[in-house]
Amino acid sequence: MEKEREFFRTTPTPGKMYYAVLAQRTIFDKTKKAEWGGFGDTRYYAPESHKRYMGVFMSSWNSGSGDGKTYTEIYVKDGKRIQLDYDYEGRTCLEETEEAPDAENENPSKVPIDKQIAPSIY
C-alpha cells in the first residue's frame, strides 16, 4: 500500500498552476488551534499518486444554497478549459506547483479525483 501524505484545502490564485486530489482519509484534530481563534482542524490525507495536474487556475463560482450548494473551478491545461467540481463531502484539496509535469510523469491510471474533472462548457 502506498504511503499517504497530507494535502490541504486552499483557495487558488488566478494565473497559478495546481494539482487536485480527493482526500481518502480525514482526521479531525480537536486540540489544534484554528485560524478563527477557536480549536479544531480537519486534516486531509491521500497517496501522492492520486493527485492530478489541473493546469492554470482561471476562475470559480458556486451555485445553489444550503445542502444543494455546488462549487466549481475552471483551469486551462494544454490550451483546453477543464472544469473541477468539488465533492459533496468537502474532501477536494489543491496543491500549488511552480511548473507543469512532463506528460510521461503524469499518472495514467484512474484516480478518485477523475470523476470530478471534465472538459468545461464555459
PDB file of N, CA and C in Angstrom:
ATOM      1  N   MET A   1       0.839  -1.187   0.000  1.00  0.00           N
ATOM      2  CA  MET A   1       0.000   0.000   0.000  1.00  0.00           C
ATOM      3  C   MET A   1       0.884   1.250   0.000  1.00  0.00           C
ATOM      4  N   GLU A   2       0.516   2.202  -0.840  1.00  0.00           N
ATOM      5  CA  GLU A   2       1.304   3.433  -0.961  1.00  0.00           C
ATOM      6  C   GLU A   2       1.112   4.322   0.264  1.00  0.00           C
ATOM      7  N   LYS A   3       2.191   4.925   0.704  1.00  0.00           N
ATOM      8  CA  LYS A   3       2.151   5.810   1.861  1.00  0.00           C
ATOM      9  C   LYS A   3       1.347   7.076   1.546  1.00  0.00           C
ATOM     10  N   GLU A   4       0.539   7.506   2.510  1.00  0.00           N
ATOM     11  CA  GLU A   4      -0.244   8.737   2.362  1.00  0.00           C
ATOM     12  C   GLU A   4       0.589   9.943   2.767  1.00  0.00           C
ATOM     13  N   ARG A   5       0.144  11.103   2.293  1.00  0.00           N
ATOM     14  CA  ARG A   5       0.712  12.356   2.773  1.00  0.00           C
ATOM     15  C   ARG A   5      -0.415  13.356   2.970  1.00  0.00           C
ATOM     16  N   GLU A   6      -0.148  14.406   3.685  1.00  0.00           N
ATOM     17  CA  GLU A   6      -1.188  15.389   3.975  1.00  0.00           C
ATOM     18  C   GLU A   6      -1.326  16.376   2.819  1.00  0.00           C
ATOM     19  N   PHE A   7      -2.579  16.671   2.473  1.00  0.00           N
ATOM     20  CA  PHE A   7      -2.915  17.696   1.491  1.00  0.00           C
ATOM     21  C   PHE A   7      -3.783  18.738   2.177  1.00  0.00           C
ATOM     22  N   PHE A   8      -3.949  19.892   1.535  1.00  0.00           N
ATOM     23  CA  PHE A   8      -4.669  20.989   2.170  1.00  0.00           C
ATOM     24  C   PHE A   8      -5.768  21.538   1.266  1.00  0.00           C
ATOM     25  N   ARG A   9      -6.816  22.018   1.894  1.00  0.00           N
ATOM     26  CA  ARG A   9      -7.880  22.705   1.169  1.00  0.00           C
ATOM     27  C   ARG A   9      -7.456  24.167   1.105  1.00  0.00           C
ATOM     28  N   THR A  10      -7.118  24.641  -0.077  1.00  0.00           N
ATOM     29  CA  THR A  10      -6.651  26.010  -0.238  1.00  0.00           C
ATOM     30  C   THR A  10      -7.511  26.748  -1.249  1.00  0.00           C
ATOM     31  N   THR A  11      -7.449  28.047  -1.218  1.00  0.00           N
ATOM     32  CA  THR A  11      -8.133  28.883  -2.202  1.00  0.00           C
ATOM     33  C   THR A  11      -7.138  29.181  -3.315  1.00  0.00           C
ATOM     34  N   PRO A  12      -7.445  28.798  -4.557  1.00  0.00           N
ATOM     35  CA  PRO A  12      -6.491  29.012  -5.650  1.00  0.00           C
ATOM     36  C   PRO A  12      -6.378  30.488  -6.047  1.00  0.00           C
ATOM     37  N   THR A  13      -5.232  30.835  -6.597  1.00  0.00           N
ATOM     38  CA  THR A  13      -4.960  32.192  -7.074  1.00  0.00           C
ATOM     39  C   THR A  13      -4.966  32.176  -8.604  1.00  0.00           C
ATOM     40  N   PRO A  14      -5.722  33.082  -9.239  1.00  0.00           N
ATOM     41  CA  PRO A  14      -5.738  33.118 -10.712  1.00  0.00           C
ATOM     42  C   PRO A  14      -4.332  33.253 -11.286  1.00  0.00           C
ATOM     43  N   GLY A  15      -4.061  32.470 -12.343  1.00  0.00           N
ATOM     44  CA  GLY A  15      -2.773  32.514 -13.013  1.00  0.00           C
ATOM     45  C   GLY A  15      -1.746  31.533 -12.467  1.00  0.00           C
ATOM     46  N   LYS A  16      -2.033  30.880 -11.348  1.00  0.00           N
ATOM     47  CA  LYS A  16      -1.095  29.905 -10.786  1.00  0.00           C
ATOM     48  C   LYS A  16      -1.538  28.488 -11.153  1.00  0.00           C
ATOM     49  N   MET A  17      -0.585  27.542 -11.116  1.00  0.00           N
ATOM     50  CA  MET A  17      -0.851  26.155 -11.501  1.00  0.00           C
ATOM     51  C   MET A  17      -1.120  25.294 -10.271  1.00  0.00           C
ATOM     52  N   TYR A  18      -2.000  24.292 -10.462  1.00  0.00           N
ATOM     53  CA  TYR A  18      -2.406  23.460  -9.330  1.00  0.00           C
ATOM     54  C   TYR A  18      -2.572  21.988  -9.700  1.00  0.00           C
ATOM     55  N   TYR A  19      -2.418  21.166  -8.669  1.00  0.00           N
ATOM     56  CA  TYR A  19      -2.820  19.768  -8.681  1.00  0.00           C
ATOM     57  C   TYR A  19      -4.081  19.690  -7.831  1.00  0.00           C
ATOM     58  N   ALA A  20      -4.945  18.737  -8.132  1.00  0.00           N
ATOM     59  CA  ALA A  20      -6.115  18.462  -7.307  1.00  0.00           C
ATOM     60  C   ALA A  20      -6.040  17.017  -6.854  1.00  0.00           C
ATOM     61  N   VAL A  21      -6.566  16.755  -5.671  1.00  0.00           N
ATOM     62  CA  VAL A  21      -6.603  15.398  -5.133  1.00  0.00           C
ATOM     63  C   VAL A  21      -7.845  15.261  -4.265  1.00  0.00           C
ATOM     64  N   LEU A  22      -8.406  14.078  -4.237  1.00  0.00           N
ATOM     65  CA  LEU A  22      -9.541  13.789  -3.376  1.00  0.00           C
ATOM     66  C   LEU A  22      -9.007  13.041  -2.160  1.00  0.00           C
ATOM     67  N   ALA A  23      -9.135  13.653  -0.980  1.00  0.00           N
ATOM     68  CA  ALA A  23      -8.630  13.022   0.240  1.00  0.00           C
ATOM     69  C   ALA A  23      -9.324  11.684   0.464  1.00  0.00           C
ATOM     70  N   GLN A  24      -8.547  10.679   0.772  1.00  0.00           N
ATOM     71  CA  GLN A  24      -9.076   9.346   1.028  1.00  0.00           C
ATOM     72  C   GLN A  24      -9.332   9.110   2.512  1.00  0.00           C
ATOM     73  N   ARG A  25      -8.715   9.966   3.339  1.00  0.00           N
ATOM     74  CA  ARG A  25      -8.878   9.831   4.789  1.00  0.00           C
ATOM     75  C   ARG A  25      -8.815  11.218   5.406  1.00  0.00           C
ATOM     76  N   THR A  26      -9.655  11.475   6.380  1.00  0.00           N
ATOM     77  CA  THR A  26      -9.626  12.747   7.096  1.00  0.00           C
ATOM     78  C   THR A  26      -9.522  12.464   8.591  1.00  0.00           C
ATOM     79  N   ILE A  27      -8.906  13.388   9.291  1.00  0.00           N
ATOM     80  CA  ILE A  27      -8.794  13.305  10.750  1.00  0.00           C
ATOM     81  C   ILE A  27      -9.172  14.665  11.310  1.00  0.00           C
ATOM     82  N   PHE A  28     -10.049  14.698  12.300  1.00  0.00           N
ATOM     83  CA  PHE A  28     -10.388  15.945  12.969  1.00  0.00           C
ATOM     84  C   PHE A  28      -9.543  16.047  14.231  1.00  0.00           C
ATOM     85  N   ASP A  29      -8.700  17.070  14.282  1.00  0.00           N
ATOM     86  CA  ASP A  29      -7.816  17.302  15.426  1.00  0.00           C
ATOM     87  C   ASP A  29      -8.436  18.396  16.289  1.00  0.00           C
ATOM     88  N   LYS A  30      -9.091  17.991  17.377  1.00  0.00           N
ATOM     89  CA  LYS A  30      -9.806  18.964  18.211  1.00  0.00           C
ATOM     90  C   LYS A  30      -8.878  19.783  19.097  1.00  0.00           C
ATOM     91  N   THR A  31      -7.591  19.424  19.162  1.00  0.00           N
ATOM     92  CA  THR A  31      -6.656  20.175  20.005  1.00  0.00           C
ATOM     93  C   THR A  31      -5.918  21.269  19.236  1.00  0.00           C
ATOM     94  N   LYS A  32      -5.956  21.232  17.908  1.00  0.00           N
ATOM     95  CA  LYS A  32      -5.214  22.215  17.107  1.00  0.00           C
ATOM     96  C   LYS A  32      -5.950  23.552  17.086  1.00  0.00           C
ATOM     97  N   LYS A  33      -5.203  24.624  17.295  1.00  0.00           N
ATOM     98  CA  LYS A  33      -5.786  25.968  17.269  1.00  0.00           C
ATOM     99  C   LYS A  33      -6.165  26.330  15.841  1.00  0.00           C
ATOM    100  N   ALA A  34      -7.391  26.764  15.652  1.00  0.00           N
ATOM    101  CA  ALA A  34      -7.902  27.121  14.331  1.00  0.00           C
ATOM    102  C   ALA A  34      -7.590  28.582  14.003  1.00  0.00           C
ATOM    103  N   GLU A  35      -7.607  28.910  12.701  1.00  0.00           N
ATOM    104  CA  GLU A  35      -7.327  30.275  12.243  1.00  0.00           C
ATOM    105  C   GLU A  35      -8.297  31.285  12.836  1.00  0.00           C
ATOM    106  N   TRP A  36      -9.535  30.872  13.069  1.00  0.00           N
ATOM    107  CA  TRP A  36     -10.556  31.793  13.562  1.00  0.00           C
ATOM    108  C   TRP A  36     -10.491  32.005  15.059  1.00  0.00           C
ATOM    109  N   GLY A  37      -9.522  31.370  15.747  1.00  0.00           N
ATOM    110  CA  GLY A  37      -9.316  31.614  17.169  1.00  0.00           C
ATOM    111  C   GLY A  37      -9.760  30.492  18.081  1.00  0.00           C
ATOM    112  N   GLY A  38     -10.645  29.627  17.608  1.00  0.00           N
ATOM    113  CA  GLY A  38     -11.100  28.504  18.423  1.00  0.00           C
ATOM    114  C   GLY A  38     -10.187  27.306  18.247  1.00  0.00           C
ATOM    115  N   PHE A  39     -10.743  26.138  18.500  1.00  0.00           N
ATOM    116  CA  PHE A  39      -9.973  24.910  18.356  1.00  0.00           C
ATOM    117  C   PHE A  39     -10.677  23.949  17.407  1.00  0.00           C
ATOM    118  N   GLY A  40      -9.893  23.157  16.726  1.00  0.00           N
ATOM    119  CA  GLY A  40     -10.424  22.153  15.817  1.00  0.00           C
ATOM    120  C   GLY A  40      -9.937  22.388  14.397  1.00  0.00           C
ATOM    121  N   ASP A  41      -9.436  21.318  13.780  1.00  0.00           N
ATOM    122  CA  ASP A  41      -8.928  21.414  12.423  1.00  0.00           C
ATOM    123  C   ASP A  41      -9.040  20.038  11.771  1.00  0.00           C
ATOM    124  N   THR A  42      -9.527  20.014  10.528  1.00  0.00           N
ATOM    125  CA  THR A  42      -9.606  18.762   9.792  1.00  0.00           C
ATOM    126  C   THR A  42      -8.357  18.634   8.940  1.00  0.00           C
ATOM    127  N   ARG A  43      -7.739  17.459   8.983  1.00  0.00           N
ATOM    128  CA  ARG A  43      -6.543  17.183   8.189  1.00  0.00           C
ATOM    129  C   ARG A  43      -6.911  16.169   7.121  1.00  0.00           C
ATOM    130  N   TYR A  44      -6.336  16.330   5.916  1.00  0.00           N
ATOM    131  CA  TYR A  44      -6.711  15.542   4.742  1.00  0.00           C
ATOM    132  C   TYR A  44      -5.516  14.745   4.235  1.00  0.00           C
ATOM    133  N   TYR A  45      -5.740  13.444   3.947  1.00  0.00           N
ATOM    134  CA  TYR A  45      -4.655  12.564   3.522  1.00  0.00           C
ATOM    135  C   TYR A  45      -5.039  11.758   2.278  1.00  0.00           C
ATOM    136  N   ALA A  46      -4.064  11.579   1.400  1.00  0.00           N
ATOM    137  CA  ALA A  46      -4.237  10.759   0.193  1.00  0.00           C
ATOM    138  C   ALA A  46      -2.853  10.332  -0.289  1.00  0.00           C
ATOM    139  N   PRO A  47      -2.780   9.266  -1.078  1.00  0.00           N
ATOM    140  CA  PRO A  47      -1.500   8.889  -1.672  1.00  0.00           C
ATOM    141  C   PRO A  47      -1.043   9.962  -2.671  1.00  0.00           C
ATOM    142  N   GLU A  48       0.244  10.185  -2.742  1.00  0.00           N
ATOM    143  CA  GLU A  48       0.827  11.160  -3.681  1.00  0.00           C
ATOM    144  C   GLU A  48       0.404  10.872  -5.116  1.00  0.00           C
ATOM    145  N   SER A  49       0.313   9.596  -5.481  1.00  0.00           N
ATOM    146  CA  SER A  49      -0.024   9.220  -6.857  1.00  0.00           C
ATOM    147  C   SER A  49      -1.473   9.530  -7.224  1.00  0.00           C
ATOM    148  N   HIS A  50      -2.304   9.914  -6.260  1.00  0.00           N
ATOM    149  CA  HIS A  50      -3.708  10.224  -6.540  1.00  0.00           C
ATOM    150  C   HIS A  50      -3.936  11.659  -7.001  1.00  0.00           C
ATOM    151  N   LYS A  51      -2.902  12.489  -6.942  1.00  0.00           N
ATOM    152  CA  LYS A  51      -3.116  13.866  -7.372  1.00  0.00           C
ATOM    153  C   LYS A  51      -3.088  13.950  -8.900  1.00  0.00           C
ATOM    154  N   ARG A  52      -3.830  14.907  -9.431  1.00  0.00           N
ATOM    155  CA  ARG A  52      -3.970  15.085 -10.875  1.00  0.00           C
ATOM    156  C   ARG A  52      -3.657  16.542 -11.209  1.00  0.00           C
ATOM    157  N   TYR A  53      -2.765  16.752 -12.185  1.00  0.00           N
ATOM    158  CA  TYR A  53      -2.419  18.112 -12.604  1.00  0.00           C
ATOM    159  C   TYR A  53      -3.615  18.745 -13.299  1.00  0.00           C
ATOM    160  N   MET A  54      -4.018  19.940 -12.833  1.00  0.00           N
ATOM    161  CA  MET A  54      -5.187  20.620 -13.384  1.00  0.00           C
ATOM    162  C   MET A  54      -4.827  21.680 -14.415  1.00  0.00           C
ATOM    163  N   GLY A  55      -3.680  22.329 -14.265  1.00  0.00           N
ATOM    164  CA  GLY A  55      -3.289  23.412 -15.157  1.00  0.00           C
ATOM    165  C   GLY A  55      -3.321  24.747 -14.431  1.00  0.00           C
ATOM    166  N   VAL A  56      -3.565  25.825 -15.177  1.00  0.00           N
ATOM    167  CA  VAL A  56      -3.574  27.182 -14.634  1.00  0.00           C
ATOM    168  C   VAL A  56      -5.001  27.543 -14.211  1.00  0.00           C
ATOM    169  N   PHE A  57      -5.144  27.981 -12.955  1.00  0.00           N
ATOM    170  CA  PHE A  57      -6.458  28.355 -12.434  1.00  0.00           C
ATOM    171  C   PHE A  57      -6.929  29.648 -13.088  1.00  0.00           C
ATOM    172  N   MET A  58      -8.185  29.639 -13.570  1.00  0.00           N
ATOM    173  CA  MET A  58      -8.768  30.815 -14.233  1.00  0.00           C
ATOM    174  C   MET A  58      -9.860  31.478 -13.395  1.00  0.00           C
ATOM    175  N   SER A  59     -10.864  30.699 -12.974  1.00  0.00           N
ATOM    176  CA  SER A  59     -11.991  31.287 -12.251  1.00  0.00           C
ATOM    177  C   SER A  59     -12.742  30.221 -11.472  1.00  0.00           C
ATOM    178  N   SER A  60     -13.677  30.681 -10.635  1.00  0.00           N
ATOM    179  CA  SER A  60     -14.510  29.758  -9.865  1.00  0.00           C
ATOM    180  C   SER A  60     -15.860  30.400  -9.605  1.00  0.00           C
ATOM    181  N   TRP A  61     -16.816  29.581  -9.250  1.00  0.00           N
ATOM    182  CA  TRP A  61     -18.131  30.073  -8.865  1.00  0.00           C
ATOM    183  C   TRP A  61     -18.833  29.009  -8.040  1.00  0.00           C
ATOM    184  N   ASN A  62     -19.874  29.447  -7.341  1.00  0.00           N
ATOM    185  CA  ASN A  62     -20.721  28.483  -6.649  1.00  0.00           C
ATOM    186  C   ASN A  62     -22.162  28.774  -7.014  1.00  0.00           C
ATOM    187  N   SER A  63     -23.000  27.776  -6.850  1.00  0.00           N
ATOM    188  CA  SER A  63     -24.422  27.942  -7.151  1.00  0.00           C
ATOM    189  C   SER A  63     -25.218  27.131  -6.149  1.00  0.00           C
ATOM    190  N   GLY A  64     -26.478  27.462  -6.037  1.00  0.00           N
ATOM    191  CA  GLY A  64     -27.340  26.778  -5.089  1.00  0.00           C
ATOM    192  C   GLY A  64     -27.149  27.330  -3.691  1.00  0.00           C
ATOM    193  N   SER A  65     -27.802  26.696  -2.746  1.00  0.00           N
ATOM    194  CA  SER A  65     -27.677  27.119  -1.362  1.00  0.00           C
ATOM    195  C   SER A  65     -27.891  25.934  -0.443  1.00  0.00           C
ATOM    196  N   GLY A  66     -27.468  26.107   0.794  1.00  0.00           N
ATOM    197  CA  GLY A  66     -27.643  25.064   1.794  1.00  0.00           C
ATOM    198  C   GLY A  66     -27.016  23.753   1.374  1.00  0.00           C
ATOM    199  N   ASP A  67     -27.759  22.667   1.543  1.00  0.00           N
ATOM    200  CA  ASP A  67     -27.264  21.327   1.256  1.00  0.00           C
ATOM    201  C   ASP A  67     -27.038  21.087  -0.237  1.00  0.00           C
ATOM    202  N   GLY A  68     -27.658  21.896  -1.089  1.00  0.00           N
ATOM    203  CA  GLY A  68     -27.518  21.716  -2.531  1.00  0.00           C
ATOM    204  C   GLY A  68     -26.487  22.611  -3.180  1.00  0.00           C
ATOM    205  N   LYS A  69     -25.667  23.303  -2.385  1.00  0.00           N
ATOM    206  CA  LYS A  69     -24.670  24.216  -2.926  1.00  0.00           C
ATOM    207  C   LYS A  69     -23.549  23.456  -3.625  1.00  0.00           C
ATOM    208  N   THR A  70     -23.122  23.956  -4.781  1.00  0.00           N
ATOM    209  CA  THR A  70     -22.013  23.357  -5.518  1.00  0.00           C
ATOM    210  C   THR A  70     -20.917  24.400  -5.730  1.00  0.00           C
ATOM    211  N   TYR A  71     -19.677  23.936  -5.874  1.00  0.00           N
ATOM    212  CA  TYR A  71     -18.535  24.814  -6.101  1.00  0.00           C
ATOM    213  C   TYR A  71     -17.742  24.261  -7.274  1.00  0.00           C
ATOM    214  N   THR A  72     -17.433  25.124  -8.244  1.00  0.00           N
ATOM    215  CA  THR A  72     -16.758  24.724  -9.478  1.00  0.00           C
ATOM    216  C   THR A  72     -15.585  25.650  -9.759  1.00  0.00           C
ATOM    217  N   GLU A  73     -14.492  25.072 -10.281  1.00  0.00           N
ATOM    218  CA  GLU A  73     -13.323  25.855 -10.700  1.00  0.00           C
ATOM    219  C   GLU A  73     -13.007  25.534 -12.148  1.00  0.00           C
ATOM    220  N   ILE A  74     -12.462  26.527 -12.860  1.00  0.00           N
ATOM    221  CA  ILE A  74     -12.048  26.350 -14.251  1.00  0.00           C
ATOM    222  C   ILE A  74     -10.530  26.528 -14.335  1.00  0.00           C
ATOM    223  N   TYR A  75      -9.895  25.572 -15.013  1.00  0.00           N
ATOM    224  CA  TYR A  75      -8.453  25.587 -15.244  1.00  0.00           C
ATOM    225  C   TYR A  75      -8.202  25.508 -16.742  1.00  0.00           C
ATOM    226  N   VAL A  76      -7.009  25.934 -17.171  1.00  0.00           N
ATOM    227  CA  VAL A  76      -6.593  25.761 -18.558  1.00  0.00           C
ATOM    228  C   VAL A  76      -5.371  24.851 -18.558  1.00  0.00           C
ATOM    229  N   LYS A  77      -5.489  23.730 -19.293  1.00  0.00           N
ATOM    230  CA  LYS A  77      -4.411  22.760 -19.387  1.00  0.00           C
ATOM    231  C   LYS A  77      -4.245  22.385 -20.855  1.00  0.00           C
ATOM    232  N   ASP A  78      -3.048  22.543 -21.376  1.00  0.00           N
ATOM    233  CA  ASP A  78      -2.753  22.236 -22.783  1.00  0.00           C
ATOM    234  C   ASP A  78      -3.706  22.965 -23.734  1.00  0.00           C
ATOM    235  N   GLY A  79      -4.034  24.201 -23.408  1.00  0.00           N
ATOM    236  CA  GLY A  79      -4.903  25.015 -24.256  1.00  0.00           C
ATOM    237  C   GLY A  79      -6.380  24.688 -24.152  1.00  0.00           C
ATOM    238  N   LYS A  80      -6.757  23.773 -23.271  1.00  0.00           N
ATOM    239  CA  LYS A  80      -8.168  23.387 -23.118  1.00  0.00           C
ATOM    240  C   LYS A  80      -8.658  23.757 -21.727  1.00  0.00           C
ATOM    241  N   ARG A  81      -9.912  24.178 -21.657  1.00  0.00           N
ATOM    242  CA  ARG A  81     -10.523  24.524 -20.373  1.00  0.00           C
ATOM    243  C   ARG A  81     -11.035  23.246 -19.701  1.00  0.00           C
ATOM    244  N   ILE A  82     -10.695  23.104 -18.424  1.00  0.00           N
ATOM    245  CA  ILE A  82     -11.086  21.937 -17.636  1.00  0.00           C
ATOM    246  C   ILE A  82     -11.884  22.416 -16.435  1.00  0.00           C
ATOM    247  N   GLN A  83     -12.934  21.679 -16.128  1.00  0.00           N
ATOM    248  CA  GLN A  83     -13.800  22.025 -15.012  1.00  0.00           C
ATOM    249  C   GLN A  83     -13.571  21.040 -13.866  1.00  0.00           C
ATOM    250  N   LEU A  84     -13.399  21.565 -12.653  1.00  0.00           N
ATOM    251  CA  LEU A  84     -13.264  20.749 -11.447  1.00  0.00           C
ATOM    252  C   LEU A  84     -14.456  21.044 -10.556  1.00  0.00           C
ATOM    253  N   ASP A  85     -15.289  20.042 -10.334  1.00  0.00           N
ATOM    254  CA  ASP A  85     -16.431  20.168  -9.434  1.00  0.00           C
ATOM    255  C   ASP A  85     -16.038  19.590  -8.081  1.00  0.00           C
ATOM    256  N   TYR A  86     -16.144  20.400  -7.037  1.00  0.00           N
ATOM    257  CA  TYR A  86     -15.781  19.927  -5.703  1.00  0.00           C
ATOM    258  C   TYR A  86     -16.762  18.851  -5.244  1.00  0.00           C
ATOM    259  N   ASP A  87     -16.265  17.911  -4.453  1.00  0.00           N
ATOM    260  CA  ASP A  87     -17.109  16.823  -3.960  1.00  0.00           C
ATOM    261  C   ASP A  87     -18.024  17.314  -2.837  1.00  0.00           C
ATOM    262  N   TYR A  88     -19.102  16.610  -2.636  1.00  0.00           N
ATOM    263  CA  TYR A  88     -20.117  16.963  -1.642  1.00  0.00           C
ATOM    264  C   TYR A  88     -19.561  16.928  -0.215  1.00  0.00           C
ATOM    265  N   GLU A  89     -18.679  15.989   0.063  1.00  0.00           N
ATOM    266  CA  GLU A  89     -18.154  15.815   1.421  1.00  0.00           C
ATOM    267  C   GLU A  89     -17.065  16.816   1.791  1.00  0.00           C
ATOM    268  N   GLY A  90     -16.590  17.624   0.855  1.00  0.00           N
ATOM    269  CA  GLY A  90     -15.560  18.616   1.152  1.00  0.00           C
ATOM    270  C   GLY A  90     -14.163  18.038   1.254  1.00  0.00           C
ATOM    271  N   ARG A  91     -13.856  17.002   0.472  1.00  0.00           N
ATOM    272  CA  ARG A  91     -12.541  16.365   0.529  1.00  0.00           C
ATOM    273  C   ARG A  91     -11.636  16.766  -0.630  1.00  0.00           C
ATOM    274  N   THR A  92     -12.071  17.691  -1.490  1.00  0.00           N
ATOM    275  CA  THR A  92     -11.243  18.138  -2.618  1.00  0.00           C
ATOM    276  C   THR A  92     -10.147  19.064  -2.098  1.00  0.00           C
ATOM    277  N   CYS A  93      -8.901  18.723  -2.384  1.00  0.00           N
ATOM    278  CA  CYS A  93      -7.752  19.510  -1.938  1.00  0.00           C
ATOM    279  C   CYS A  93      -6.945  19.962  -3.155  1.00  0.00           C
ATOM    280  N   LEU A  94      -6.209  21.054  -2.978  1.00  0.00           N
ATOM    281  CA  LEU A  94      -5.362  21.586  -4.048  1.00  0.00           C
ATOM    282  C   LEU A  94      -3.925  21.705  -3.560  1.00  0.00           C
ATOM    283  N   GLU A  95      -3.009  21.632  -4.507  1.00  0.00           N
ATOM    284  CA  GLU A  95      -1.590  21.847  -4.216  1.00  0.00           C
ATOM    285  C   GLU A  95      -1.016  22.725  -5.326  1.00  0.00           C
ATOM    286  N   GLU A  96      -0.476  23.877  -4.948  1.00  0.00           N
ATOM    287  CA  GLU A  96       0.122  24.783  -5.934  1.00  0.00           C
ATOM    288  C   GLU A  96       1.450  24.209  -6.409  1.00  0.00           C
ATOM    289  N   THR A  97       1.758  24.435  -7.688  1.00  0.00           N
ATOM    290  CA  THR A  97       3.020  23.975  -8.246  1.00  0.00           C
ATOM    291  C   THR A  97       3.638  25.083  -9.090  1.00  0.00           C
ATOM    292  N   GLU A  98       4.936  25.056  -9.217  1.00  0.00           N
ATOM    293  CA  GLU A  98       5.655  26.073  -9.982  1.00  0.00           C
ATOM    294  C   GLU A  98       5.794  25.704 -11.455  1.00  0.00           C
ATOM    295  N   GLU A  99       5.728  24.420 -11.759  1.00  0.00           N
ATOM    296  CA  GLU A  99       5.871  24.016 -13.157  1.00  0.00           C
ATOM    297  C   GLU A  99       4.996  22.814 -13.463  1.00  0.00           C
ATOM    298  N   ALA A 100       4.580  22.735 -14.709  1.00  0.00           N
ATOM    299  CA  ALA A 100       3.741  21.622 -15.160  1.00  0.00           C
ATOM    300  C   ALA A 100       4.579  20.353 -15.256  1.00  0.00           C
ATOM    301  N   PRO A 101       3.979  19.199 -14.949  1.00  0.00           N
ATOM    302  CA  PRO A 101       4.729  17.951 -15.069  1.00  0.00           C
ATOM    303  C   PRO A 101       4.900  17.569 -16.535  1.00  0.00           C
ATOM    304  N   ASP A 102       5.948  16.792 -16.818  1.00  0.00           N
ATOM    305  CA  ASP A 102       6.107  16.232 -18.161  1.00  0.00           C
ATOM    306  C   ASP A 102       4.981  15.245 -18.388  1.00  0.00           C
ATOM    307  N   ALA A 103       4.552  15.104 -19.626  1.00  0.00           N
ATOM    308  CA  ALA A 103       3.452  14.187 -19.944  1.00  0.00           C
ATOM    309  C   ALA A 103       3.747  12.772 -19.465  1.00  0.00           C
ATOM    310  N   GLU A 104       4.987  12.332 -19.563  1.00  0.00           N
ATOM    311  CA  GLU A 104       5.305  10.968 -19.146  1.00  0.00           C
ATOM    312  C   GLU A 104       5.316  10.804 -17.628  1.00  0.00           C
ATOM    313  N   ASN A 105       5.342  11.919 -16.877  1.00  0.00           N
ATOM    314  CA  ASN A 105       5.327  11.840 -15.417  1.00  0.00           C
ATOM    315  C   ASN A 105       3.923  11.889 -14.834  1.00  0.00           C
ATOM    316  N   GLU A 106       2.914  12.083 -15.670  1.00  0.00           N
ATOM    317  CA  GLU A 106       1.553  12.101 -15.170  1.00  0.00           C
ATOM    318  C   GLU A 106       1.047  10.680 -14.987  1.00  0.00           C
ATOM    319  N   ASN A 107       0.263  10.480 -13.949  1.00  0.00           N
ATOM    320  CA  ASN A 107      -0.276   9.164 -13.629  1.00  0.00           C
ATOM    321  C   ASN A 107      -1.366   8.794 -14.642  1.00  0.00           C
ATOM    322  N   PRO A 108      -1.165   7.760 -15.469  1.00  0.00           N
ATOM    323  CA  PRO A 108      -2.163   7.407 -16.479  1.00  0.00           C
ATOM    324  C   PRO A 108      -3.334   6.599 -15.926  1.00  0.00           C
ATOM    325  N   SER A 109      -3.173   5.997 -14.747  1.00  0.00           N
ATOM    326  CA  SER A 109      -4.254   5.171 -14.200  1.00  0.00           C
ATOM    327  C   SER A 109      -5.340   6.047 -13.574  1.00  0.00           C
ATOM    328  N   LYS A 110      -6.513   5.465 -13.430  1.00  0.00           N
ATOM    329  CA  LYS A 110      -7.633   6.207 -12.852  1.00  0.00           C
ATOM    330  C   LYS A 110      -7.377   6.470 -11.373  1.00  0.00           C
ATOM    331  N   VAL A 111      -7.741   7.691 -10.945  1.00  0.00           N
ATOM    332  CA  VAL A 111      -7.636   8.077  -9.539  1.00  0.00           C
ATOM    333  C   VAL A 111      -8.977   8.673  -9.118  1.00  0.00           C
ATOM    334  N   PRO A 112      -9.302   8.699  -7.807  1.00  0.00           N
ATOM    335  CA  PRO A 112     -10.621   9.147  -7.359  1.00  0.00           C
ATOM    336  C   PRO A 112     -11.045  10.545  -7.821  1.00  0.00           C
ATOM    337  N   ILE A 113     -10.110  11.487  -7.956  1.00  0.00           N
ATOM    338  CA  ILE A 113     -10.481  12.858  -8.344  1.00  0.00           C
ATOM    339  C   ILE A 113     -10.976  12.922  -9.788  1.00  0.00           C
ATOM    340  N   ASP A 114     -10.656  11.929 -10.609  1.00  0.00           N
ATOM    341  CA  ASP A 114     -11.047  11.945 -12.024  1.00  0.00           C
ATOM    342  C   ASP A 114     -12.549  12.112 -12.233  1.00  0.00           C
ATOM    343  N   LYS A 115     -13.369  11.563 -11.346  1.00  0.00           N
ATOM    344  CA  LYS A 115     -14.817  11.645 -11.529  1.00  0.00           C
ATOM    345  C   LYS A 115     -15.336  13.077 -11.353  1.00  0.00           C
ATOM    346  N   GLN A 116     -14.520  13.981 -10.846  1.00  0.00           N
ATOM    347  CA  GLN A 116     -14.912  15.367 -10.654  1.00  0.00           C
ATOM    348  C   GLN A 116     -14.331  16.309 -11.713  1.00  0.00           C
ATOM    349  N   ILE A 117     -13.581  15.761 -12.669  1.00  0.00           N
ATOM    350  CA  ILE A 117     -12.925  16.571 -13.692  1.00  0.00           C
ATOM    351  C   ILE A 117     -13.573  16.282 -15.045  1.00  0.00           C
ATOM    352  N   ALA A 118     -13.875  17.370 -15.789  1.00  0.00           N
ATOM    353  CA  ALA A 118     -14.493  17.212 -17.101  1.00  0.00           C
ATOM    354  C   ALA A 118     -14.114  18.392 -17.985  1.00  0.00           C
ATOM    355  N   PRO A 119     -14.187  18.229 -19.314  1.00  0.00           N
ATOM    356  CA  PRO A 119     -13.997  19.390 -20.190  1.00  0.00           C
ATOM    357  C   PRO A 119     -15.061  20.426 -19.857  1.00  0.00           C
ATOM    358  N   SER A 120     -14.662  21.676 -19.843  1.00  0.00           N
ATOM    359  CA  SER A 120     -15.607  22.722 -19.472  1.00  0.00           C
ATOM    360  C   SER A 120     -16.437  23.202 -20.654  1.00  0.00           C
ATOM    361  N   ILE A 121     -17.680  23.502 -20.387  1.00  0.00           N
ATOM    362  CA  ILE A 121     -18.545  24.093 -21.432  1.00  0.00           C
ATOM    363  C   ILE A 121     -18.578  25.607 -21.275  1.00  0.00           C
ATOM    364  N   TYR A 122     -17.867  26.137 -20.282  1.00  0.00           N
ATOM    365  CA  TYR A 122     -17.856  27.588 -20.026  1.00  0.00           C
ATOM    366  C   TYR A 122     -16.641  28.245 -20.633  1.00  0.00           C
TER     367      TYR A 122
END
